Protein backbone atom coordinates (compact mmCIF):
# COMPACT_ATOMS: atom_id res chain seq x y z
CA UNK A 1 17.43 -0.25 4.35
CA UNK A 2 20.08 -2.56 2.93
CA UNK A 3 23.02 -0.49 1.71
CA UNK A 4 23.06 -2.60 -1.47
CA UNK A 5 19.47 -1.66 -2.32
CA UNK A 6 19.07 0.54 -5.38
CA UNK A 7 15.59 1.96 -6.01
CA UNK A 8 14.49 1.07 -9.53
CA UNK A 9 14.00 3.72 -12.17
CA UNK A 10 10.25 4.30 -12.49
CA UNK A 11 8.85 3.21 -15.83
CA UNK A 12 5.33 4.52 -16.40
CA UNK A 13 4.03 1.17 -17.63
CA UNK A 14 1.86 -1.42 -15.94
CA UNK A 15 3.50 -4.69 -15.04
CA UNK A 16 2.11 -7.73 -16.83
CA UNK A 17 1.36 -10.27 -14.10
CA UNK A 18 -0.94 -13.17 -13.36
CA UNK A 19 -3.92 -11.35 -11.82
CA UNK A 20 -5.06 -14.53 -10.07
CA UNK A 21 -1.92 -14.41 -7.91
CA UNK A 22 -2.31 -13.79 -4.19
CA UNK A 23 0.54 -11.77 -2.73
CA UNK A 24 1.22 -12.13 0.98
CA UNK A 25 3.72 -10.71 3.41
CA UNK A 26 4.33 -10.43 7.11
CA UNK A 27 6.05 -7.45 8.72
CA UNK A 28 7.04 -6.55 12.22
CA UNK A 29 5.55 -3.60 14.11
CA UNK A 30 7.82 -1.20 12.21
CA UNK A 31 7.01 -2.43 8.69
CA UNK A 32 10.15 -4.51 8.23
CA UNK A 33 9.48 -7.56 6.07
CA UNK A 34 9.74 -10.91 7.88
CA UNK A 35 8.12 -13.11 5.23
CA UNK A 36 6.95 -13.01 1.62
CA UNK A 37 5.23 -15.73 -0.37
CA UNK A 38 6.15 -16.90 -3.87
CA UNK A 39 3.44 -14.66 -5.33
CA UNK A 40 5.12 -11.61 -3.81
CA UNK A 41 8.46 -12.70 -5.28
CA UNK A 42 6.95 -13.33 -8.72
CA UNK A 43 5.06 -10.06 -8.96
CA UNK A 44 7.58 -7.73 -7.33
CA UNK A 45 10.54 -9.18 -9.23
CA UNK A 46 12.65 -9.33 -6.07
CA UNK A 47 13.99 -12.53 -4.56
CA UNK A 48 12.87 -13.30 -1.02
CA UNK A 49 16.40 -12.71 0.31
CA UNK A 50 16.28 -9.20 -1.22
CA UNK A 51 13.00 -8.48 0.60
CA UNK A 52 13.25 -10.07 4.06
CA UNK A 53 14.75 -7.58 6.49
CA UNK A 54 13.86 -4.60 4.29
CA UNK A 55 11.22 -1.96 5.00
CA UNK A 56 8.00 -2.79 3.15
CA UNK A 57 8.10 0.61 1.49
CA UNK A 58 10.84 -0.57 -0.87
CA UNK A 59 7.98 -1.43 -3.23
CA UNK A 60 6.11 1.86 -2.68
CA UNK A 61 5.48 3.65 -5.94
CA UNK A 62 6.27 7.39 -5.82
CA UNK A 63 2.71 8.11 -7.06
CA UNK A 64 1.32 6.86 -3.74
CA UNK A 65 0.27 9.67 -1.40
CA UNK A 66 1.91 9.35 2.01
CA UNK A 67 -1.41 10.11 3.71
CA UNK A 68 -2.76 6.69 2.72
CA UNK A 69 0.08 5.02 4.64
CA UNK A 70 -0.40 7.39 7.58
CA UNK A 71 -4.07 6.40 7.78
CA UNK A 72 -3.06 2.74 7.42
CA UNK A 73 -0.53 2.86 10.25
CA UNK A 74 -2.77 5.00 12.48
CA UNK A 75 -5.36 2.21 12.24
CA UNK A 76 -2.90 -0.65 12.67
CA UNK A 77 -1.35 0.98 15.76
CA UNK A 78 -4.84 1.01 17.31
CA UNK A 79 -5.16 -2.71 16.56
CA UNK A 80 -7.64 -2.08 13.73
CA UNK A 81 -7.37 -4.16 10.58
CA UNK A 82 -7.25 -2.13 7.38
CA UNK A 83 -7.88 -2.29 3.63
CA UNK A 84 -6.37 -0.08 0.96
CA UNK A 85 -5.74 0.16 -2.74
CA UNK A 86 -2.04 0.61 -3.38
CA UNK A 87 0.18 1.27 -6.38
CA UNK A 88 3.40 -0.69 -6.00
CA UNK A 89 6.72 -0.50 -7.83
CA UNK A 90 8.32 -3.69 -9.13
CA UNK A 91 12.06 -4.23 -9.36
CA UNK A 92 11.75 -3.67 -13.13
CA UNK A 93 10.40 -0.16 -12.49
CA UNK A 94 6.90 -1.01 -13.75
CA UNK A 95 3.88 -0.54 -11.52
CA UNK A 96 1.08 -2.80 -10.33
CA UNK A 97 -2.08 -1.98 -8.41
CA UNK A 98 -3.35 -4.16 -5.57
CA UNK A 99 -6.22 -4.32 -3.13
CA UNK A 100 -4.48 -4.99 0.19
CA UNK A 101 -5.98 -6.34 3.38
CA UNK A 102 -3.88 -5.79 6.50
CA UNK A 103 -4.49 -7.90 9.59
CA UNK A 104 -2.74 -6.74 12.74
CA UNK A 105 -1.80 -9.30 15.39
CA UNK A 106 -1.28 -7.88 18.84
CA UNK A 107 0.84 -9.04 21.74
CA UNK A 108 -0.79 -9.60 25.13
CA UNK A 109 0.24 -6.06 26.15
CA UNK A 110 -1.69 -4.60 23.19
CA UNK A 111 1.29 -3.63 21.05
CA UNK A 112 1.73 -4.89 17.50
CA UNK A 113 3.37 -8.28 17.21
CA UNK A 114 3.18 -8.42 13.43
CA UNK A 115 1.08 -7.37 10.44
CA UNK A 116 -0.03 -9.93 7.89
CA UNK A 117 -1.06 -8.60 4.50
CA UNK A 118 -2.80 -10.24 1.56
CA UNK A 119 -3.02 -8.53 -1.82
CA UNK A 120 -5.02 -9.22 -4.97
CA UNK A 121 -5.33 -7.43 -8.27
CA UNK A 122 -7.77 -4.54 -8.69
CA UNK A 123 -10.01 -3.94 -11.67
CA UNK A 124 -8.70 -1.17 -13.95
CA UNK A 125 -12.13 0.48 -13.95
CA UNK A 126 -11.91 1.00 -10.17
CA UNK A 127 -8.40 2.40 -10.49
CA UNK A 128 -9.16 4.72 -13.39
CA UNK A 129 -12.55 5.93 -12.15
CA UNK A 130 -11.96 6.34 -8.41
CA UNK A 131 -8.45 5.78 -7.14
CA UNK A 132 -6.08 7.42 -9.65
CA UNK A 133 -7.99 10.73 -9.67
CA UNK A 134 -8.21 10.83 -5.86
CA UNK A 135 -4.58 9.85 -5.31
CA UNK A 136 -3.41 12.43 -7.89
CA UNK A 137 -5.21 15.19 -5.95
CA UNK A 138 -3.79 13.95 -2.64
CA UNK A 139 -0.28 13.75 -4.05
CA UNK A 140 -0.52 17.24 -5.54
CA UNK A 141 -1.62 18.68 -2.19
CA UNK A 142 1.22 16.80 -0.49
CA UNK A 143 3.82 18.12 -2.93
CA UNK A 144 2.61 21.72 -2.61
CA UNK A 145 1.82 21.97 1.11
CA UNK A 146 2.82 18.74 2.85
CA UNK A 147 1.10 15.70 4.27
CA UNK A 148 -1.17 17.84 6.48
CA UNK A 149 -2.70 19.42 3.38
CA UNK A 150 -3.10 16.01 1.78
CA UNK A 151 -4.81 14.77 4.94
CA UNK A 152 -7.22 17.72 4.86
CA UNK A 153 -8.08 17.01 1.21
CA UNK A 154 -8.70 13.33 2.04
CA UNK A 155 -10.83 14.22 5.07
CA UNK A 156 -12.87 16.72 3.05
CA UNK A 157 -13.40 14.13 0.30
CA UNK A 158 -14.50 11.44 2.76
CA UNK A 159 -16.67 13.83 4.81
CA UNK A 160 -18.50 14.88 1.63
CA UNK A 161 -19.27 11.20 1.06
CA UNK A 162 -20.03 10.65 4.78
CA UNK A 163 -17.62 7.69 4.70
CA UNK A 164 -14.37 6.54 6.20
CA UNK A 165 -11.54 5.49 3.90
CA UNK A 166 -12.42 1.84 4.59
CA UNK A 167 -16.07 2.41 3.70
CA UNK A 168 -15.05 4.23 0.51
CA UNK A 169 -12.78 1.33 -0.54
CA UNK A 170 -15.42 -1.29 0.27
CA UNK A 171 -18.10 0.66 -1.65
CA UNK A 172 -16.06 1.11 -4.82
CA UNK A 173 -15.09 -2.56 -4.81
CA UNK A 174 -18.67 -3.80 -4.40
């Protein structure tokens, strides 16, 4: 991470942003940002030169359970595209929720060339009814017993629904 980067102070307020904005980025196989569109710049509050070359997790909100990103990267490393609902942290310290679609592009040898991600806003009802309660439980398990405990809680939750994380996300958005 850039030595000049200072993580913003978290303000527990939603960011006011144009919910019709599409946010896009491209990262390398390690999650380092190669490209962001104007929508990403507008919503995150960072300039593109502050973002390019940085790890994508510079916008990760501390309320996000690490297990969601583990599941994301486990899928991407297998060449499987992924969808997730993510709480991000803007430069101002305010948060914004997005529905993110990750498309992995592989090299001829099967390794990741880059990951292209598109994000859109998520309805507050979906966040408040499904995602915030689940992520709070996952984060609590993670804080008490580590990511393995959080993974077990997520697996138990999904097994009870007989769904994968992707199926759960697609069902709550439909």
